[in-house]
Amino acid sequence: MASPDRRLSDKILAAFDQACERREIDVAELLVKALEATLTRAGGKGHVDKRRELGPVVEAYARLQRLRHP
């Protein structure tokens, strides 16, 4: 089971990876939308994002595109 101190976006990315491995494109698309919602809701006054790079997020979009159009 995932550690409770992991970011929600990390958990969504893990589920996205699993959906892609199973070639469940419809589920992967929903998870990308959930990822977008999570990343855009985070923040606010005084919030400092601790994510060092967005590479995994960018790769999720690319991977979904490859699944849609092999």
C-alpha atoms as a PDB file:
ATOM      1  CA  MET A   1       0.000   0.000   0.000  1.00  0.00           C
ATOM      2  CA  ALA A   2       1.187   3.525  -0.777  1.00  0.00           C
ATOM      3  CA  SER A   3       2.684   5.660   1.934  1.00  0.00           C
ATOM      4  CA  PRO A   4       0.205   8.274   3.246  1.00  0.00           C
ATOM      5  CA  ASP A   5       2.843  11.012   3.025  1.00  0.00           C
ATOM      6  CA  ARG A   6       3.159  10.655  -0.760  1.00  0.00           C
ATOM      7  CA  ARG A   7       1.566  13.408  -2.810  1.00  0.00           C
ATOM      8  CA  LEU A   8      -1.809  12.627  -4.315  1.00  0.00           C
ATOM      9  CA  SER A   9      -0.346  13.421  -7.738  1.00  0.00           C
ATOM     10  CA  ASP A  10       2.290  10.701  -7.228  1.00  0.00           C
ATOM     11  CA  LYS A  11      -0.403   8.181  -6.375  1.00  0.00           C
ATOM     12  CA  ILE A  12      -2.393   9.185  -9.457  1.00  0.00           C
ATOM     13  CA  LEU A  13       0.718   8.800 -11.620  1.00  0.00           C
ATOM     14  CA  ALA A  14       1.241   5.292 -10.214  1.00  0.00           C
ATOM     15  CA  ALA A  15      -2.365   4.369 -11.047  1.00  0.00           C
ATOM     16  CA  PHE A  16      -1.915   5.937 -14.497  1.00  0.00           C
ATOM     17  CA  ASP A  17       1.137   3.749 -15.117  1.00  0.00           C
ATOM     18  CA  GLN A  18      -0.839   0.672 -14.146  1.00  0.00           C
ATOM     19  CA  ALA A  19      -3.725   1.635 -16.441  1.00  0.00           C
ATOM     20  CA  CYS A  20      -1.282   2.128 -19.318  1.00  0.00           C
ATOM     21  CA  GLU A  21       0.366  -1.236 -18.669  1.00  0.00           C
ATOM     22  CA  ARG A  22      -3.061  -2.841 -18.850  1.00  0.00           C
ATOM     23  CA  ARG A  23      -3.874  -0.766 -21.965  1.00  0.00           C
ATOM     24  CA  GLU A  24      -6.971   0.681 -20.301  1.00  0.00           C
ATOM     25  CA  ILE A  25      -6.912   3.921 -22.261  1.00  0.00           C
ATOM     26  CA  ASP A  26     -10.253   5.186 -20.966  1.00  0.00           C
ATOM     27  CA  VAL A  27      -9.058   4.837 -17.376  1.00  0.00           C
ATOM     28  CA  ALA A  28      -5.679   6.410 -18.210  1.00  0.00           C
ATOM     29  CA  GLU A  29      -7.492   9.412 -19.718  1.00  0.00           C
ATOM     30  CA  LEU A  30      -9.560   9.871 -16.564  1.00  0.00           C
ATOM     31  CA  LEU A  31      -6.448   9.645 -14.419  1.00  0.00           C
ATOM     32  CA  VAL A  32      -4.707  12.343 -16.483  1.00  0.00           C
ATOM     33  CA  LYS A  33      -7.728  14.582 -15.896  1.00  0.00           C
ATOM     34  CA  ALA A  34      -7.506  13.832 -12.172  1.00  0.00           C
ATOM     35  CA  LEU A  35      -3.791  14.628 -12.279  1.00  0.00           C
ATOM     36  CA  GLU A  36      -4.524  17.979 -13.943  1.00  0.00           C
ATOM     37  CA  ALA A  37      -7.126  18.791 -11.300  1.00  0.00           C
ATOM     38  CA  THR A  38      -4.769  17.893  -8.472  1.00  0.00           C
ATOM     39  CA  LEU A  39      -1.852  19.880  -9.851  1.00  0.00           C
ATOM     40  CA  THR A  40      -3.930  22.984 -10.557  1.00  0.00           C
ATOM     41  CA  ARG A  41      -5.674  22.961  -7.174  1.00  0.00           C
ATOM     42  CA  ALA A  42      -2.439  22.764  -5.222  1.00  0.00           C
ATOM     43  CA  GLY A  43      -0.947  26.046  -4.254  1.00  0.00           C
ATOM     44  CA  GLY A  44      -2.235  29.219  -2.824  1.00  0.00           C
ATOM     45  CA  LYS A  45      -0.646  31.953  -0.784  1.00  0.00           C
ATOM     46  CA  GLY A  46       2.524  30.799   0.902  1.00  0.00           C
ATOM     47  CA  HIS A  47       2.500  27.372  -0.779  1.00  0.00           C
ATOM     48  CA  VAL A  48       5.838  26.061  -1.955  1.00  0.00           C
ATOM     49  CA  ASP A  49       5.690  23.133  -4.345  1.00  0.00           C
ATOM     50  CA  LYS A  50       8.275  20.522  -3.464  1.00  0.00           C
ATOM     51  CA  ARG A  51       8.213  18.744  -6.823  1.00  0.00           C
ATOM     52  CA  ARG A  52      11.679  19.087  -8.312  1.00  0.00           C
ATOM     53  CA  GLU A  53      10.752  18.352 -11.894  1.00  0.00           C
ATOM     54  CA  LEU A  54       7.651  17.835 -13.943  1.00  0.00           C
ATOM     55  CA  GLY A  55       9.234  15.156 -16.146  1.00  0.00           C
ATOM     56  CA  PRO A  56       6.922  12.359 -14.948  1.00  0.00           C
ATOM     57  CA  VAL A  57       3.878  14.553 -15.574  1.00  0.00           C
ATOM     58  CA  VAL A  58       5.038  15.481 -19.077  1.00  0.00           C
ATOM     59  CA  GLU A  59       5.842  11.830 -19.784  1.00  0.00           C
ATOM     60  CA  ALA A  60       2.306  10.832 -18.729  1.00  0.00           C
ATOM     61  CA  TYR A  61       0.850  13.040 -21.466  1.00  0.00           C
ATOM     62  CA  ALA A  62       3.284  11.620 -24.034  1.00  0.00           C
ATOM     63  CA  ARG A  63       2.556   8.048 -22.984  1.00  0.00           C
ATOM     64  CA  LEU A  64      -1.186   8.586 -23.274  1.00  0.00           C
ATOM     65  CA  GLN A  65      -0.703  10.044 -26.748  1.00  0.00           C
ATOM     66  CA  ARG A  66       1.317   6.970 -27.771  1.00  0.00           C
ATOM     67  CA  LEU A  67      -1.436   4.693 -26.475  1.00  0.00           C
ATOM     68  CA  ARG A  68      -4.094   6.593 -28.398  1.00  0.00           C
ATOM     69  CA  HIS A  69      -2.093   6.571 -31.633  1.00  0.00           C
ATOM     70  CA  PRO A  70       0.315   3.613 -31.696  1.00  0.00           C
END
